[in-house]
N, C-alpha and C. Protein backbone atom coordinates (compact mmCIF):
# COMPACT_ATOMS: atom_id res chain seq x y z
N MET A 1 95.45 114.76 121.15
CA MET A 1 96.31 113.61 121.19
C MET A 1 95.53 112.45 121.83
N PHE A 2 95.72 111.24 121.30
CA PHE A 2 94.99 110.09 121.81
C PHE A 2 95.86 108.85 121.78
N ALA A 3 95.41 107.83 122.47
CA ALA A 3 96.05 106.52 122.45
C ALA A 3 94.97 105.47 122.26
N ASP A 4 95.27 104.45 121.47
CA ASP A 4 94.37 103.32 121.33
C ASP A 4 94.93 102.19 122.18
N LEU A 5 94.10 101.65 123.07
CA LEU A 5 94.50 100.60 123.99
C LEU A 5 93.70 99.35 123.69
N SER A 6 94.39 98.21 123.57
CA SER A 6 93.66 96.97 123.27
C SER A 6 93.49 96.13 124.52
N VAL A 7 92.31 95.51 124.61
CA VAL A 7 91.98 94.57 125.68
C VAL A 7 91.24 93.43 125.03
N GLY A 8 91.85 92.25 125.04
CA GLY A 8 91.22 91.11 124.37
C GLY A 8 91.09 91.37 122.88
N PHE A 9 89.88 91.27 122.36
CA PHE A 9 89.66 91.47 120.94
C PHE A 9 89.02 92.83 120.65
N GLN A 10 89.15 93.76 121.59
CA GLN A 10 88.60 95.10 121.42
C GLN A 10 89.67 96.14 121.70
N TYR A 11 89.40 97.37 121.26
CA TYR A 11 90.31 98.46 121.59
C TYR A 11 89.52 99.69 122.01
N TYR A 12 90.17 100.50 122.81
CA TYR A 12 89.59 101.72 123.35
C TYR A 12 90.42 102.90 122.88
N ARG A 13 89.78 104.00 122.56
CA ARG A 13 90.50 105.24 122.26
C ARG A 13 90.44 106.11 123.51
N TYR A 14 91.61 106.49 123.98
CA TYR A 14 91.72 107.24 125.23
C TYR A 14 92.39 108.58 124.96
N THR A 15 91.80 109.66 125.48
CA THR A 15 92.41 110.97 125.40
C THR A 15 92.67 111.49 126.81
N HIS A 16 93.71 112.26 126.94
CA HIS A 16 94.10 112.78 128.26
C HIS A 16 92.99 113.63 128.87
N LYS A 17 92.33 114.43 128.07
CA LYS A 17 91.30 115.34 128.59
C LYS A 17 89.94 114.67 128.81
N LEU A 18 89.56 113.74 127.93
CA LEU A 18 88.21 113.18 127.96
C LEU A 18 88.12 111.76 128.48
N GLY A 19 89.24 111.08 128.63
CA GLY A 19 89.22 109.66 129.01
C GLY A 19 88.84 108.80 127.81
N VAL A 20 88.06 107.75 128.04
CA VAL A 20 87.66 106.86 126.95
C VAL A 20 86.66 107.59 126.05
N ALA A 21 86.93 107.58 124.74
CA ALA A 21 86.09 108.27 123.77
C ALA A 21 84.73 107.59 123.63
N VAL A 22 83.74 108.37 123.27
CA VAL A 22 82.38 107.87 123.06
C VAL A 22 82.40 106.87 121.90
N GLY A 23 81.65 105.79 122.02
CA GLY A 23 81.55 104.80 120.96
C GLY A 23 82.54 103.66 121.08
N TYR A 24 83.34 103.65 122.12
CA TYR A 24 84.34 102.60 122.34
C TYR A 24 83.92 101.77 123.53
N PRO A 25 84.30 100.49 123.57
CA PRO A 25 85.30 99.83 122.75
C PRO A 25 84.77 99.45 121.37
N LYS A 26 85.72 99.22 120.46
CA LYS A 26 85.42 98.75 119.11
C LYS A 26 86.19 97.47 118.87
N PRO A 27 85.70 96.61 117.97
CA PRO A 27 86.40 95.35 117.71
C PRO A 27 87.70 95.57 116.95
N LEU A 28 88.72 94.79 117.31
CA LEU A 28 90.01 94.88 116.61
C LEU A 28 89.91 94.46 115.15
N ASN A 29 88.88 93.69 114.78
CA ASN A 29 88.79 93.24 113.39
C ASN A 29 88.50 94.39 112.43
N LEU A 30 88.28 95.59 112.94
CA LEU A 30 88.18 96.77 112.06
C LEU A 30 89.53 97.07 111.40
N TRP A 31 90.61 96.62 112.02
CA TRP A 31 91.96 96.77 111.47
C TRP A 31 92.21 95.55 110.57
N ARG A 32 91.88 95.67 109.30
CA ARG A 32 91.93 94.54 108.36
C ARG A 32 93.31 93.89 108.31
N GLY A 33 93.30 92.55 108.36
CA GLY A 33 94.53 91.78 108.18
C GLY A 33 95.24 91.41 109.46
N LEU A 34 94.80 91.91 110.60
CA LEU A 34 95.42 91.51 111.85
C LEU A 34 94.95 90.12 112.23
N PRO A 35 95.81 89.35 112.91
CA PRO A 35 95.40 87.99 113.30
C PRO A 35 94.35 88.05 114.39
N MET A 36 93.26 87.36 114.20
CA MET A 36 92.21 87.36 115.21
C MET A 36 92.26 86.12 116.09
N GLN A 37 93.18 85.20 115.80
CA GLN A 37 93.27 84.00 116.62
C GLN A 37 94.03 84.28 117.91
N SER A 38 94.68 85.42 118.01
CA SER A 38 95.37 85.78 119.25
C SER A 38 95.13 87.26 119.53
N THR A 39 95.32 87.64 120.75
CA THR A 39 95.10 89.03 121.11
C THR A 39 96.36 89.85 120.85
N ILE A 40 96.15 91.12 120.67
CA ILE A 40 97.25 92.05 120.46
C ILE A 40 97.82 92.41 121.83
N SER A 41 99.13 92.29 121.97
CA SER A 41 99.78 92.60 123.24
C SER A 41 100.03 94.10 123.40
N ALA A 42 100.39 94.73 122.29
CA ALA A 42 100.71 96.16 122.33
C ALA A 42 100.63 96.72 120.93
N ALA A 43 100.51 98.03 120.84
CA ALA A 43 100.51 98.71 119.55
C ALA A 43 101.14 100.08 119.73
N VAL A 44 101.79 100.56 118.68
CA VAL A 44 102.38 101.89 118.71
C VAL A 44 102.22 102.51 117.33
N ASN A 45 101.87 103.78 117.31
CA ASN A 45 101.73 104.53 116.06
C ASN A 45 102.94 105.43 115.92
N VAL A 46 103.54 105.44 114.74
CA VAL A 46 104.72 106.27 114.50
C VAL A 46 104.46 107.23 113.34
N ALA A 47 105.36 108.17 113.16
CA ALA A 47 105.16 109.26 112.21
C ALA A 47 105.23 108.84 110.74
N ASN A 48 105.59 107.61 110.44
CA ASN A 48 105.72 107.19 109.04
C ASN A 48 104.44 106.56 108.50
N SER A 49 103.30 106.98 109.01
CA SER A 49 101.99 106.49 108.56
C SER A 49 101.83 105.00 108.79
N ALA A 50 102.39 104.51 109.88
CA ALA A 50 102.28 103.09 110.20
C ALA A 50 101.96 102.92 111.67
N THR A 51 101.21 101.86 111.96
CA THR A 51 100.97 101.43 113.32
C THR A 51 101.52 100.02 113.44
N TYR A 52 102.27 99.76 114.48
CA TYR A 52 102.86 98.45 114.71
C TYR A 52 102.08 97.73 115.80
N PHE A 53 101.58 96.53 115.49
CA PHE A 53 100.84 95.70 116.43
C PHE A 53 101.72 94.52 116.82
N PHE A 54 101.79 94.22 118.10
CA PHE A 54 102.64 93.16 118.61
C PHE A 54 101.78 92.07 119.21
N THR A 55 102.09 90.83 118.84
CA THR A 55 101.41 89.66 119.39
C THR A 55 102.37 88.48 119.33
N GLY A 56 102.55 87.82 120.46
CA GLY A 56 103.47 86.69 120.50
C GLY A 56 104.86 87.09 120.06
N GLN A 57 105.42 86.34 119.13
CA GLN A 57 106.77 86.63 118.66
C GLN A 57 106.78 87.43 117.35
N TYR A 58 105.65 88.00 116.97
CA TYR A 58 105.55 88.75 115.72
C TYR A 58 105.06 90.16 115.94
N PHE A 59 105.38 91.01 114.99
CA PHE A 59 104.74 92.31 114.93
C PHE A 59 104.21 92.51 113.53
N TYR A 60 103.14 93.25 113.42
CA TYR A 60 102.48 93.52 112.16
C TYR A 60 102.56 95.02 111.89
N ARG A 61 103.06 95.37 110.71
CA ARG A 61 103.13 96.78 110.32
C ARG A 61 101.88 97.10 109.52
N TYR A 62 101.06 97.99 110.07
CA TYR A 62 99.78 98.34 109.47
C TYR A 62 99.91 99.67 108.76
N ASN A 63 99.53 99.70 107.49
CA ASN A 63 99.59 100.92 106.69
C ASN A 63 98.37 101.78 107.03
N ASP A 64 98.59 102.92 107.69
CA ASP A 64 97.50 103.78 108.12
C ASP A 64 96.84 104.56 106.98
N VAL A 65 97.47 104.60 105.83
CA VAL A 65 96.90 105.31 104.68
C VAL A 65 96.01 104.37 103.86
N ALA A 66 96.51 103.17 103.57
CA ALA A 66 95.77 102.21 102.76
C ALA A 66 94.87 101.30 103.62
N PHE A 67 95.01 101.35 104.93
CA PHE A 67 94.20 100.57 105.87
C PHE A 67 94.32 99.06 105.66
N HIS A 68 95.54 98.56 105.67
CA HIS A 68 95.77 97.12 105.63
C HIS A 68 97.13 96.79 106.22
N VAL A 69 97.32 95.51 106.57
CA VAL A 69 98.61 95.06 107.08
C VAL A 69 99.61 95.06 105.93
N ARG A 70 100.69 95.76 106.13
CA ARG A 70 101.73 95.84 105.10
C ARG A 70 102.62 94.61 105.12
N ASN A 71 103.02 94.17 106.32
CA ASN A 71 103.80 92.94 106.43
C ASN A 71 103.83 92.45 107.86
N ARG A 72 104.24 91.19 108.02
CA ARG A 72 104.41 90.57 109.33
C ARG A 72 105.87 90.19 109.46
N GLN A 73 106.45 90.46 110.61
CA GLN A 73 107.85 90.11 110.83
C GLN A 73 108.01 89.51 112.21
N GLN A 74 109.01 88.64 112.31
CA GLN A 74 109.31 88.08 113.61
C GLN A 74 110.07 89.12 114.42
N ILE A 75 109.76 89.19 115.71
CA ILE A 75 110.45 90.13 116.59
C ILE A 75 111.87 89.63 116.81
N ILE A 76 112.79 90.52 116.59
CA ILE A 76 114.21 90.24 116.85
C ILE A 76 114.74 91.35 117.73
N SER A 77 115.91 91.18 118.25
CA SER A 77 116.51 92.22 119.08
C SER A 77 117.07 93.31 118.17
N TRP A 78 116.45 94.46 118.20
CA TRP A 78 116.90 95.61 117.42
C TRP A 78 117.35 96.70 118.37
N PRO A 79 118.42 97.42 118.02
CA PRO A 79 118.75 98.59 118.83
C PRO A 79 117.66 99.65 118.67
N ALA A 80 117.48 100.48 119.67
CA ALA A 80 116.44 101.50 119.64
C ALA A 80 116.56 102.42 118.43
N THR A 81 117.77 102.64 117.93
CA THR A 81 117.96 103.53 116.78
C THR A 81 117.36 102.94 115.51
N MET A 82 117.17 101.64 115.44
CA MET A 82 116.59 100.99 114.26
C MET A 82 115.16 101.44 114.02
N TRP A 83 114.38 101.72 115.06
CA TRP A 83 112.98 102.08 114.91
C TRP A 83 112.83 103.39 114.14
N GLY A 84 113.79 104.26 114.19
CA GLY A 84 113.73 105.50 113.42
C GLY A 84 113.82 105.28 111.93
N GLN A 85 114.30 104.11 111.50
CA GLN A 85 114.47 103.80 110.08
C GLN A 85 113.30 103.04 109.50
N LEU A 86 112.33 102.68 110.31
CA LEU A 86 111.19 101.91 109.82
C LEU A 86 110.29 102.83 109.10
């Protein structure tokens, strides 16, 4: 199990047993289609083959299978149960 953590325009892969993985940090521009004019505030990977990147008032849904941004949406107040439907 691992987590990717972003700092500025780079990200680190962290595992509980090993800490920061060898070869990191890597540039965020490896994730095609993400905005590079601002930094990513947070990211979360979910079971539906998507990673959600948050920056400012937007989030970007990244398709982990096709390796591109699927869409950009403005952050709105959603109940926690809504995330299960994404």
